[in-house]
């Protein structure tokens, strides 16, 4: 190389000297190439994760791994699609769901078996004068308290069943080990109490309020478990979701009502199939209208791979 040939600023100086004045500093030998001038440095810790769908700051409370929340298409769904999805998930995990319904039946019988007949007999005995009215009132109050506790436990178990259904929709097979894994059980109990009060008020309105709640409040627990909303926000959000997708949701509710009526005819044995089918179909509908993750394949034993539903 002649003396007049300019030396590249990134070429190592063989004499160990300092690079020409005014040129950029060469990188250390063996080191990484510096980023181009003006380029932004990547954030520490990797790229930023997308926010949870529905505006929540955290992933779903049931503890499933973070998926592509907010990237799924949302909107109306086909009723046959929801029923078919629920049937496929039930077939793939039928033993868990049958035993879950059996648990509901056992709890109901434990808290209500014979209570109605006992209260009626005691009230009739009080009218005949066999026992005092005060004793009859005491027994009736005790029976009512037992029934309230049983209703509270059944409602919490029902919410846990919804939690299991949301796992199934995500592609994870529900198990007894994951049934009780929720991060916001306290909020679930508050939601149960809120719905109990709402049903009591609805019953006072000639039963019309119960019909309104049955139509517009089916996604209350879903909002608590899947979107981390508080009880009141979950309740009002369910009304909005149904109102915005009324046609598809109402037809699905009518279909599920008919299926459960038919399932109750042979000594209620059909409920061991129709109740899980209903819970799974509603969980699928909720995820579709909120843009949540829906698994395209069969449920796996562990966390599943989320895939957007077909357009």
C-alpha atoms as a PDB file:
ATOM      1  CA  UNK A   1       0.000   0.000   0.000  1.00  0.00           C
ATOM      2  CA  UNK A   2       1.394   3.386  -0.977  1.00  0.00           C
ATOM      3  CA  UNK A   3       1.738   6.165   1.487  1.00  0.00           C
ATOM      4  CA  UNK A   4      -0.974   8.232  -0.218  1.00  0.00           C
ATOM      5  CA  UNK A   5      -3.661   5.507  -0.115  1.00  0.00           C
ATOM      6  CA  UNK A   6      -6.227   6.415   2.576  1.00  0.00           C
ATOM      7  CA  UNK A   7      -6.660   3.822   5.262  1.00  0.00           C
ATOM      8  CA  UNK A   8     -10.222   2.555   5.926  1.00  0.00           C
ATOM      9  CA  UNK A   9     -11.423   3.693   9.337  1.00  0.00           C
ATOM     10  CA  UNK A  10     -12.645   0.110  10.062  1.00  0.00           C
ATOM     11  CA  UNK A  11      -9.368  -1.482   8.932  1.00  0.00           C
ATOM     12  CA  UNK A  12      -7.098  -2.464  11.746  1.00  0.00           C
ATOM     13  CA  UNK A  13      -3.973  -0.346  11.994  1.00  0.00           C
ATOM     14  CA  UNK A  14      -1.126  -2.725  11.542  1.00  0.00           C
ATOM     15  CA  UNK A  15       1.221  -0.527  13.388  1.00  0.00           C
ATOM     16  CA  UNK A  16      -1.044  -0.364  16.418  1.00  0.00           C
ATOM     17  CA  UNK A  17      -1.420   3.373  16.020  1.00  0.00           C
ATOM     18  CA  UNK A  18      -4.412   5.599  16.399  1.00  0.00           C
ATOM     19  CA  UNK A  19      -6.900   5.809  13.476  1.00  0.00           C
ATOM     20  CA  UNK A  20      -6.917   8.982  11.407  1.00  0.00           C
ATOM     21  CA  UNK A  21      -8.275  12.024  13.154  1.00  0.00           C
ATOM     22  CA  UNK A  22     -11.983  12.683  12.663  1.00  0.00           C
ATOM     23  CA  UNK A  23     -12.881   9.119  11.607  1.00  0.00           C
ATOM     24  CA  UNK A  24     -15.183   6.858  13.531  1.00  0.00           C
ATOM     25  CA  UNK A  25     -13.724   4.645  16.195  1.00  0.00           C
ATOM     26  CA  UNK A  26     -13.198   1.100  14.936  1.00  0.00           C
ATOM     27  CA  UNK A  27     -14.938  -1.697  16.790  1.00  0.00           C
ATOM     28  CA  UNK A  28     -12.877  -3.945  19.036  1.00  0.00           C
ATOM     29  CA  UNK A  29     -11.402  -7.005  17.419  1.00  0.00           C
ATOM     30  CA  UNK A  30     -13.899  -9.866  17.416  1.00  0.00           C
ATOM     31  CA  UNK A  31     -16.702  -7.645  18.754  1.00  0.00           C
ATOM     32  CA  UNK A  32     -20.154  -7.217  17.231  1.00  0.00           C
ATOM     33  CA  UNK A  33     -20.730  -4.742  14.457  1.00  0.00           C
ATOM     34  CA  UNK A  34     -22.172  -1.501  15.867  1.00  0.00           C
ATOM     35  CA  UNK A  35     -25.700  -0.525  14.776  1.00  0.00           C
ATOM     36  CA  UNK A  36     -26.019   1.971  11.922  1.00  0.00           C
ATOM     37  CA  UNK A  37     -25.960   5.629  12.801  1.00  0.00           C
ATOM     38  CA  UNK A  38     -29.311   6.888  14.044  1.00  0.00           C
ATOM     39  CA  UNK A  39     -30.784   3.394  14.554  1.00  0.00           C
ATOM     40  CA  UNK A  40     -32.783   2.739  17.704  1.00  0.00           C
ATOM     41  CA  UNK A  41     -31.465   0.254  20.203  1.00  0.00           C
ATOM     42  CA  UNK A  42     -33.791  -2.712  20.866  1.00  0.00           C
ATOM     43  CA  UNK A  43     -35.505  -2.593  24.263  1.00  0.00           C
ATOM     44  CA  UNK A  44     -33.947  -4.592  27.035  1.00  0.00           C
ATOM     45  CA  UNK A  45     -35.564  -7.958  27.669  1.00  0.00           C
ATOM     46  CA  UNK A  46     -36.861  -8.572  24.143  1.00  0.00           C
ATOM     47  CA  UNK A  47     -39.843  -7.245  22.226  1.00  0.00           C
ATOM     48  CA  UNK A  48     -42.877  -5.934  24.001  1.00  0.00           C
ATOM     49  CA  UNK A  49     -45.689  -8.439  24.497  1.00  0.00           C
ATOM     50  CA  UNK A  50     -49.121  -7.609  23.038  1.00  0.00           C
ATOM     51  CA  UNK A  51     -51.748  -6.510  25.552  1.00  0.00           C
ATOM     52  CA  UNK A  52     -54.396  -8.910  26.760  1.00  0.00           C
ATOM     53  CA  UNK A  53     -57.565  -8.871  24.754  1.00  0.00           C
ATOM     54  CA  UNK A  54     -60.468  -6.867  26.079  1.00  0.00           C
ATOM     55  CA  UNK A  55     -58.202  -4.176  27.526  1.00  0.00           C
ATOM     56  CA  UNK A  56     -57.145  -6.118  30.617  1.00  0.00           C
ATOM     57  CA  UNK A  57     -53.611  -5.601  31.874  1.00  0.00           C
ATOM     58  CA  UNK A  58     -53.045  -9.222  32.774  1.00  0.00           C
ATOM     59  CA  UNK A  59     -53.453 -12.587  31.071  1.00  0.00           C
ATOM     60  CA  UNK A  60     -56.578 -14.640  31.889  1.00  0.00           C
ATOM     61  CA  UNK A  61     -56.981 -15.519  35.567  1.00  0.00           C
ATOM     62  CA  UNK A  62     -57.086 -19.241  34.942  1.00  0.00           C
ATOM     63  CA  UNK A  63     -53.327 -19.259  34.421  1.00  0.00           C
ATOM     64  CA  UNK A  64     -53.074 -20.356  30.782  1.00  0.00           C
ATOM     65  CA  UNK A  65     -49.949 -19.207  28.963  1.00  0.00           C
ATOM     66  CA  UNK A  66     -50.056 -15.883  27.222  1.00  0.00           C
ATOM     67  CA  UNK A  67     -51.412 -16.166  23.693  1.00  0.00           C
ATOM     68  CA  UNK A  68     -51.992 -13.731  20.848  1.00  0.00           C
ATOM     69  CA  UNK A  69     -54.689 -11.793  22.689  1.00  0.00           C
ATOM     70  CA  UNK A  70     -56.409  -9.131  20.696  1.00  0.00           C
ATOM     71  CA  UNK A  71     -55.284 -10.611  17.369  1.00  0.00           C
ATOM     72  CA  UNK A  72     -58.293 -12.880  16.955  1.00  0.00           C
ATOM     73  CA  UNK A  73     -61.258 -11.821  14.824  1.00  0.00           C
ATOM     74  CA  UNK A  74     -64.357 -11.001  16.819  1.00  0.00           C
ATOM     75  CA  UNK A  75     -67.974 -10.886  15.797  1.00  0.00           C
ATOM     76  CA  UNK A  76     -71.053 -13.055  15.359  1.00  0.00           C
ATOM     77  CA  UNK A  77     -70.701 -16.822  15.268  1.00  0.00           C
ATOM     78  CA  UNK A  78     -72.785 -19.639  13.853  1.00  0.00           C
ATOM     79  CA  UNK A  79     -74.886 -21.562  16.362  1.00  0.00           C
ATOM     80  CA  UNK A  80     -74.009 -24.861  14.727  1.00  0.00           C
ATOM     81  CA  UNK A  81     -70.340 -23.936  15.004  1.00  0.00           C
ATOM     82  CA  UNK A  82     -70.649 -23.368  18.769  1.00  0.00           C
ATOM     83  CA  UNK A  83     -72.603 -26.579  19.327  1.00  0.00           C
ATOM     84  CA  UNK A  84     -70.180 -28.586  17.206  1.00  0.00           C
ATOM     85  CA  UNK A  85     -67.213 -27.171  19.089  1.00  0.00           C
ATOM     86  CA  UNK A  86     -68.824 -28.002  22.439  1.00  0.00           C
ATOM     87  CA  UNK A  87     -69.626 -31.555  21.316  1.00  0.00           C
ATOM     88  CA  UNK A  88     -66.073 -32.168  20.089  1.00  0.00           C
ATOM     89  CA  UNK A  89     -64.562 -30.914  23.351  1.00  0.00           C
ATOM     90  CA  UNK A  90     -67.018 -32.979  25.402  1.00  0.00           C
ATOM     91  CA  UNK A  91     -66.156 -36.147  23.489  1.00  0.00           C
ATOM     92  CA  UNK A  92     -62.459 -35.516  23.994  1.00  0.00           C
ATOM     93  CA  UNK A  93     -62.797 -35.107  27.781  1.00  0.00           C
ATOM     94  CA  UNK A  94     -66.138 -36.728  28.585  1.00  0.00           C
ATOM     95  CA  UNK A  95     -65.104 -38.421  31.833  1.00  0.00           C
ATOM     96  CA  UNK A  96     -64.095 -35.147  33.473  1.00  0.00           C
ATOM     97  CA  UNK A  97     -67.331 -33.431  32.450  1.00  0.00           C
ATOM     98  CA  UNK A  98     -69.606 -36.294  33.502  1.00  0.00           C
ATOM     99  CA  UNK A  99     -67.930 -36.427  36.919  1.00  0.00           C
ATOM    100  CA  UNK A 100     -68.207 -32.654  37.209  1.00  0.00           C
ATOM    101  CA  UNK A 101     -71.985 -32.784  36.670  1.00  0.00           C
ATOM    102  CA  UNK A 102     -72.155 -35.651  39.168  1.00  0.00           C
ATOM    103  CA  UNK A 103     -70.391 -33.404  41.704  1.00  0.00           C
ATOM    104  CA  UNK A 104     -73.056 -30.740  41.152  1.00  0.00           C
ATOM    105  CA  UNK A 105     -75.808 -33.297  41.703  1.00  0.00           C
ATOM    106  CA  UNK A 106     -74.215 -34.568  44.937  1.00  0.00           C
ATOM    107  CA  UNK A 107     -73.846 -31.044  46.332  1.00  0.00           C
ATOM    108  CA  UNK A 108     -77.425 -30.169  45.417  1.00  0.00           C
ATOM    109  CA  UNK A 109     -78.821 -33.299  47.080  1.00  0.00           C
ATOM    110  CA  UNK A 110     -76.648 -32.823  50.163  1.00  0.00           C
ATOM    111  CA  UNK A 111     -78.086 -29.369  50.831  1.00  0.00           C
ATOM    112  CA  UNK A 112     -81.646 -29.749  49.540  1.00  0.00           C
ATOM    113  CA  UNK A 113     -82.690 -33.375  49.783  1.00  0.00           C
ATOM    114  CA  UNK A 114     -85.843 -33.598  51.874  1.00  0.00           C
ATOM    115  CA  UNK A 115     -85.702 -29.981  53.028  1.00  0.00           C
ATOM    116  CA  UNK A 116     -88.812 -28.898  51.140  1.00  0.00           C
ATOM    117  CA  UNK A 117     -90.875 -31.804  52.440  1.00  0.00           C
ATOM    118  CA  UNK A 118     -89.628 -31.335  55.997  1.00  0.00           C
ATOM    119  CA  UNK A 119     -90.509 -27.653  56.031  1.00  0.00           C
ATOM    120  CA  UNK A 120     -93.994 -28.367  54.700  1.00  0.00           C
ATOM    121  CA  UNK A 121     -94.652 -31.063  57.298  1.00  0.00           C
ATOM    122  CA  UNK A 122     -93.425 -28.847  60.132  1.00  0.00           C
ATOM    123  CA  UNK A 123     -95.597 -25.960  58.987  1.00  0.00           C
ATOM    124  CA  UNK A 124     -98.620 -28.271  58.826  1.00  0.00           C
ATOM    125  CA  UNK A 125     -97.826 -29.563  62.325  1.00  0.00           C
ATOM    126  CA  UNK A 126     -97.658 -25.984  63.562  1.00  0.00           C
ATOM    127  CA  UNK A 127    -101.084 -25.284  62.073  1.00  0.00           C
ATOM    128  CA  UNK A 128    -102.483 -28.322  63.883  1.00  0.00           C
ATOM    129  CA  UNK A 129    -100.919 -27.151  67.120  1.00  0.00           C
ATOM    130  CA  UNK A 130     -98.548 -30.093  67.442  1.00  0.00           C
ATOM    131  CA  UNK A 131     -95.568 -27.755  67.665  1.00  0.00           C
ATOM    132  CA  UNK A 132     -95.296 -24.059  68.294  1.00  0.00           C
ATOM    133  CA  UNK A 133     -95.167 -21.540  65.469  1.00  0.00           C
ATOM    134  CA  UNK A 134     -91.859 -20.293  66.849  1.00  0.00           C
ATOM    135  CA  UNK A 135     -90.321 -23.758  66.498  1.00  0.00           C
ATOM    136  CA  UNK A 136     -91.679 -24.063  62.970  1.00  0.00           C
ATOM    137  CA  UNK A 137     -90.232 -20.675  62.026  1.00  0.00           C
ATOM    138  CA  UNK A 138     -86.875 -21.682  63.483  1.00  0.00           C
ATOM    139  CA  UNK A 139     -86.786 -24.869  61.407  1.00  0.00           C
ATOM    140  CA  UNK A 140     -87.809 -22.983  58.271  1.00  0.00           C
ATOM    141  CA  UNK A 141     -85.065 -20.400  58.826  1.00  0.00           C
ATOM    142  CA  UNK A 142     -82.489 -23.135  59.343  1.00  0.00           C
ATOM    143  CA  UNK A 143     -83.598 -24.860  56.160  1.00  0.00           C
ATOM    144  CA  UNK A 144     -83.437 -21.586  54.239  1.00  0.00           C
ATOM    145  CA  UNK A 145     -79.912 -20.925  55.521  1.00  0.00           C
ATOM    146  CA  UNK A 146     -78.821 -24.403  54.478  1.00  0.00           C
ATOM    147  CA  UNK A 147     -80.348 -23.862  51.065  1.00  0.00           C
ATOM    148  CA  UNK A 148     -78.560 -20.512  50.702  1.00  0.00           C
ATOM    149  CA  UNK A 149     -75.191 -22.077  51.533  1.00  0.00           C
ATOM    150  CA  UNK A 150     -75.880 -24.889  49.082  1.00  0.00           C
ATOM    151  CA  UNK A 151     -76.837 -22.395  46.382  1.00  0.00           C
ATOM    152  CA  UNK A 152     -73.658 -20.410  47.025  1.00  0.00           C
ATOM    153  CA  UNK A 153     -71.475 -23.519  46.722  1.00  0.00           C
ATOM    154  CA  UNK A 154     -73.290 -24.644  43.562  1.00  0.00           C
ATOM    155  CA  UNK A 155     -72.837 -21.230  41.972  1.00  0.00           C
ATOM    156  CA  UNK A 156     -69.107 -21.180  42.757  1.00  0.00           C
ATOM    157  CA  UNK A 157     -68.769 -24.679  41.288  1.00  0.00           C
ATOM    158  CA  UNK A 158     -70.650 -23.503  38.221  1.00  0.00           C
ATOM    159  CA  UNK A 159     -68.166 -20.647  37.817  1.00  0.00           C
ATOM    160  CA  UNK A 160     -65.298 -23.122  38.129  1.00  0.00           C
ATOM    161  CA  UNK A 161     -66.946 -25.184  35.394  1.00  0.00           C
ATOM    162  CA  UNK A 162     -66.898 -22.088  33.183  1.00  0.00           C
ATOM    163  CA  UNK A 163     -63.222 -21.692  34.039  1.00  0.00           C
ATOM    164  CA  UNK A 164     -62.647 -25.284  32.876  1.00  0.00           C
ATOM    165  CA  UNK A 165     -64.597 -24.620  29.676  1.00  0.00           C
ATOM    166  CA  UNK A 166     -62.442 -21.578  28.903  1.00  0.00           C
ATOM    167  CA  UNK A 167     -59.373 -23.802  29.248  1.00  0.00           C
ATOM    168  CA  UNK A 168     -60.902 -26.223  26.765  1.00  0.00           C
ATOM    169  CA  UNK A 169     -61.585 -23.417  24.294  1.00  0.00           C
ATOM    170  CA  UNK A 170     -57.938 -22.364  24.616  1.00  0.00           C
ATOM    171  CA  UNK A 171     -56.829 -25.873  23.670  1.00  0.00           C
ATOM    172  CA  UNK A 172     -56.003 -27.184  27.148  1.00  0.00           C
ATOM    173  CA  UNK A 173     -57.797 -30.262  28.422  1.00  0.00           C
ATOM    174  CA  UNK A 174     -59.515 -29.481  31.746  1.00  0.00           C
ATOM    175  CA  UNK A 175     -58.557 -31.690  34.690  1.00  0.00           C
ATOM    176  CA  UNK A 176     -59.425 -31.920  38.369  1.00  0.00           C
ATOM    177  CA  UNK A 177     -55.997 -30.506  39.123  1.00  0.00           C
ATOM    178  CA  UNK A 178     -56.759 -27.300  37.232  1.00  0.00           C
ATOM    179  CA  UNK A 179     -60.467 -26.993  38.067  1.00  0.00           C
ATOM    180  CA  UNK A 180     -59.858 -24.950  41.217  1.00  0.00           C
ATOM    181  CA  UNK A 181     -56.927 -22.915  39.869  1.00  0.00           C
ATOM    182  CA  UNK A 182     -58.251 -19.369  39.656  1.00  0.00           C
ATOM    183  CA  UNK A 183     -56.455 -16.220  40.725  1.00  0.00           C
ATOM    184  CA  UNK A 184     -59.557 -14.219  41.615  1.00  0.00           C
ATOM    185  CA  UNK A 185     -61.732 -16.604  43.625  1.00  0.00           C
ATOM    186  CA  UNK A 186     -62.745 -13.757  45.930  1.00  0.00           C
ATOM    187  CA  UNK A 187     -64.149 -11.792  42.995  1.00  0.00           C
ATOM    188  CA  UNK A 188     -65.945 -14.925  41.794  1.00  0.00           C
ATOM    189  CA  UNK A 189     -67.698 -15.192  45.179  1.00  0.00           C
ATOM    190  CA  UNK A 190     -68.657 -11.502  45.045  1.00  0.00           C
ATOM    191  CA  UNK A 191     -70.078 -12.097  41.577  1.00  0.00           C
ATOM    192  CA  UNK A 192     -72.104 -15.038  42.891  1.00  0.00           C
ATOM    193  CA  UNK A 193     -73.594 -12.825  45.614  1.00  0.00           C
ATOM    194  CA  UNK A 194     -74.339 -10.067  43.095  1.00  0.00           C
ATOM    195  CA  UNK A 195     -76.178 -12.500  40.813  1.00  0.00           C
ATOM    196  CA  UNK A 196     -78.098 -13.923  43.783  1.00  0.00           C
ATOM    197  CA  UNK A 197     -79.320 -10.434  44.661  1.00  0.00           C
ATOM    198  CA  UNK A 198     -80.162  -9.757  41.016  1.00  0.00           C
ATOM    199  CA  UNK A 199     -82.145 -12.995  40.785  1.00  0.00           C
ATOM    200  CA  UNK A 200     -84.011 -12.174  43.996  1.00  0.00           C
ATOM    201  CA  UNK A 201     -84.975  -8.767  42.627  1.00  0.00           C
ATOM    202  CA  UNK A 202     -85.872 -10.342  39.297  1.00  0.00           C
ATOM    203  CA  UNK A 203     -88.163 -12.834  41.023  1.00  0.00           C
ATOM    204  CA  UNK A 204     -90.013  -9.947  42.689  1.00  0.00           C
ATOM    205  CA  UNK A 205     -90.754  -8.448  39.263  1.00  0.00           C
ATOM    206  CA  UNK A 206     -93.242 -11.215  38.438  1.00  0.00           C
ATOM    207  CA  UNK A 207     -90.393 -13.356  37.176  1.00  0.00           C
ATOM    208  CA  UNK A 208     -89.710 -11.059  34.220  1.00  0.00           C
ATOM    209  CA  UNK A 209     -86.390 -10.026  35.719  1.00  0.00           C
ATOM    210  CA  UNK A 210     -85.286 -13.679  35.774  1.00  0.00           C
ATOM    211  CA  UNK A 211     -85.925 -13.942  32.033  1.00  0.00           C
ATOM    212  CA  UNK A 212     -83.922 -10.773  31.397  1.00  0.00           C
ATOM    213  CA  UNK A 213     -81.024 -12.099  33.471  1.00  0.00           C
ATOM    214  CA  UNK A 214     -81.106 -15.470  31.729  1.00  0.00           C
ATOM    215  CA  UNK A 215     -80.845 -13.751  28.348  1.00  0.00           C
ATOM    216  CA  UNK A 216     -78.399 -10.926  29.063  1.00  0.00           C
ATOM    217  CA  UNK A 217     -76.198 -12.091  31.951  1.00  0.00           C
ATOM    218  CA  UNK A 218     -74.751 -15.446  30.778  1.00  0.00           C
ATOM    219  CA  UNK A 219     -71.236 -14.055  30.292  1.00  0.00           C
ATOM    220  CA  UNK A 220     -70.853 -12.500  33.746  1.00  0.00           C
ATOM    221  CA  UNK A 221     -68.554 -15.217  35.105  1.00  0.00           C
ATOM    222  CA  UNK A 222     -66.656 -15.332  31.807  1.00  0.00           C
ATOM    223  CA  UNK A 223     -65.814 -11.646  32.162  1.00  0.00           C
ATOM    224  CA  UNK A 224     -64.515 -12.162  35.702  1.00  0.00           C
ATOM    225  CA  UNK A 225     -62.459 -15.263  34.926  1.00  0.00           C
ATOM    226  CA  UNK A 226     -61.202 -14.406  31.459  1.00  0.00           C
ATOM    227  CA  UNK A 227     -60.943 -10.601  31.460  1.00  0.00           C
ATOM    228  CA  UNK A 228     -60.246  -9.902  35.148  1.00  0.00           C
ATOM    229  CA  UNK A 229     -63.203  -7.540  35.491  1.00  0.00           C
ATOM    230  CA  UNK A 230     -64.815  -6.845  38.846  1.00  0.00           C
ATOM    231  CA  UNK A 231     -68.280  -8.182  39.590  1.00  0.00           C
ATOM    232  CA  UNK A 232     -70.264  -5.107  38.531  1.00  0.00           C
ATOM    233  CA  UNK A 233     -68.213  -4.480  35.385  1.00  0.00           C
ATOM    234  CA  UNK A 234     -68.557  -8.146  34.434  1.00  0.00           C
ATOM    235  CA  UNK A 235     -72.322  -7.994  34.956  1.00  0.00           C
ATOM    236  CA  UNK A 236     -72.861  -4.867  32.863  1.00  0.00           C
ATOM    237  CA  UNK A 237     -70.368  -6.002  30.212  1.00  0.00           C
ATOM    238  CA  UNK A 238     -72.381  -9.194  29.719  1.00  0.00           C
ATOM    239  CA  UNK A 239     -75.462  -7.088  28.952  1.00  0.00           C
ATOM    240  CA  UNK A 240     -73.469  -5.102  26.384  1.00  0.00           C
ATOM    241  CA  UNK A 241     -71.965  -8.176  24.739  1.00  0.00           C
ATOM    242  CA  UNK A 242     -75.345  -9.851  24.357  1.00  0.00           C
ATOM    243  CA  UNK A 243     -76.934  -6.623  23.137  1.00  0.00           C
ATOM    244  CA  UNK A 244     -74.249  -6.167  20.484  1.00  0.00           C
ATOM    245  CA  UNK A 245     -74.558  -9.797  19.315  1.00  0.00           C
ATOM    246  CA  UNK A 246     -78.176 -10.409  20.236  1.00  0.00           C
ATOM    247  CA  UNK A 247     -79.237 -12.510  17.251  1.00  0.00           C
ATOM    248  CA  UNK A 248     -76.535 -15.172  17.478  1.00  0.00           C
ATOM    249  CA  UNK A 249     -76.472 -15.316  21.294  1.00  0.00           C
ATOM    250  CA  UNK A 250     -80.259 -15.491  21.671  1.00  0.00           C
ATOM    251  CA  UNK A 251     -80.588 -18.275  19.096  1.00  0.00           C
ATOM    252  CA  UNK A 252     -77.802 -20.185  20.856  1.00  0.00           C
ATOM    253  CA  UNK A 253     -79.555 -19.748  24.208  1.00  0.00           C
ATOM    254  CA  UNK A 254     -82.812 -21.052  22.734  1.00  0.00           C
ATOM    255  CA  UNK A 255     -80.978 -24.029  21.245  1.00  0.00           C
ATOM    256  CA  UNK A 256     -79.313 -24.836  24.569  1.00  0.00           C
ATOM    257  CA  UNK A 257     -82.632 -24.493  26.404  1.00  0.00           C
ATOM    258  CA  UNK A 258     -84.227 -26.980  24.037  1.00  0.00           C
ATOM    259  CA  UNK A 259     -81.307 -29.394  24.326  1.00  0.00           C
ATOM    260  CA  UNK A 260     -81.461 -29.327  28.136  1.00  0.00           C
ATOM    261  CA  UNK A 261     -85.241 -29.817  28.140  1.00  0.00           C
ATOM    262  CA  UNK A 262     -84.816 -32.909  25.980  1.00  0.00           C
ATOM    263  CA  UNK A 263     -81.887 -34.031  28.133  1.00  0.00           C
ATOM    264  CA  UNK A 264     -84.011 -33.844  31.282  1.00  0.00           C
ATOM    265  CA  UNK A 265     -86.743 -36.148  29.979  1.00  0.00           C
ATOM    266  CA  UNK A 266     -85.074 -39.559  30.621  1.00  0.00           C
ATOM    267  CA  UNK A 267     -84.763 -39.111  34.404  1.00  0.00           C
ATOM    268  CA  UNK A 268     -82.397 -36.163  33.897  1.00  0.00           C
ATOM    269  CA  UNK A 269     -79.663 -38.521  32.684  1.00  0.00           C
ATOM    270  CA  UNK A 270     -79.209 -36.490  29.523  1.00  0.00           C
ATOM    271  CA  UNK A 271     -78.019 -33.563  31.609  1.00  0.00           C
ATOM    272  CA  UNK A 272     -74.707 -35.342  32.074  1.00  0.00           C
ATOM    273  CA  UNK A 273     -74.149 -34.537  28.401  1.00  0.00           C
ATOM    274  CA  UNK A 274     -76.230 -31.427  27.740  1.00  0.00           C
ATOM    275  CA  UNK A 275     -74.925 -29.367  30.685  1.00  0.00           C
ATOM    276  CA  UNK A 276     -71.240 -29.721  29.689  1.00  0.00           C
ATOM    277  CA  UNK A 277     -72.209 -29.134  26.053  1.00  0.00           C
ATOM    278  CA  UNK A 278     -73.972 -25.914  27.056  1.00  0.00           C
ATOM    279  CA  UNK A 279     -71.048 -24.648  29.151  1.00  0.00           C
ATOM    280  CA  UNK A 280     -68.541 -25.364  26.387  1.00  0.00           C
ATOM    281  CA  UNK A 281     -70.687 -23.810  23.653  1.00  0.00           C
ATOM    282  CA  UNK A 282     -71.200 -20.608  25.664  1.00  0.00           C
ATOM    283  CA  UNK A 283     -67.461 -20.366  26.394  1.00  0.00           C
ATOM    284  CA  UNK A 284     -66.766 -20.689  22.671  1.00  0.00           C
ATOM    285  CA  UNK A 285     -69.356 -18.005  21.884  1.00  0.00           C
ATOM    286  CA  UNK A 286     -67.845 -15.666  24.478  1.00  0.00           C
ATOM    287  CA  UNK A 287     -64.360 -16.015  23.036  1.00  0.00           C
ATOM    288  CA  UNK A 288     -65.605 -15.446  19.504  1.00  0.00           C
ATOM    289  CA  UNK A 289     -67.511 -12.242  20.254  1.00  0.00           C
ATOM    290  CA  UNK A 290     -64.671 -10.832  22.389  1.00  0.00           C
ATOM    291  CA  UNK A 291     -61.834 -11.784  20.058  1.00  0.00           C
ATOM    292  CA  UNK A 292     -60.254 -14.144  22.561  1.00  0.00           C
ATOM    293  CA  UNK A 293     -58.063 -17.134  21.637  1.00  0.00           C
ATOM    294  CA  UNK A 294     -59.842 -20.176  20.246  1.00  0.00           C
ATOM    295  CA  UNK A 295     -58.000 -23.421  19.620  1.00  0.00           C
ATOM    296  CA  UNK A 296     -58.512 -24.837  16.151  1.00  0.00           C
ATOM    297  CA  UNK A 297     -57.440 -28.357  17.069  1.00  0.00           C
ATOM    298  CA  UNK A 298     -58.376 -30.941  19.714  1.00  0.00           C
ATOM    299  CA  UNK A 299     -57.684 -30.160  23.347  1.00  0.00           C
ATOM    300  CA  UNK A 300     -54.266 -31.256  24.566  1.00  0.00           C
ATOM    301  CA  UNK A 301     -53.253 -32.510  27.977  1.00  0.00           C
ATOM    302  CA  UNK A 302     -51.329 -29.304  28.643  1.00  0.00           C
ATOM    303  CA  UNK A 303     -51.451 -25.706  27.459  1.00  0.00           C
ATOM    304  CA  UNK A 304     -52.590 -25.615  23.860  1.00  0.00           C
ATOM    305  CA  UNK A 305     -51.566 -23.657  20.832  1.00  0.00           C
ATOM    306  CA  UNK A 306     -53.908 -20.827  20.128  1.00  0.00           C
ATOM    307  CA  UNK A 307     -55.148 -20.381  16.586  1.00  0.00           C
ATOM    308  CA  UNK A 308     -57.541 -17.818  15.176  1.00  0.00           C
ATOM    309  CA  UNK A 309     -60.977 -19.148  14.289  1.00  0.00           C
ATOM    310  CA  UNK A 310     -61.898 -19.567  10.672  1.00  0.00           C
ATOM    311  CA  UNK A 311     -63.345 -16.482   9.070  1.00  0.00           C
END
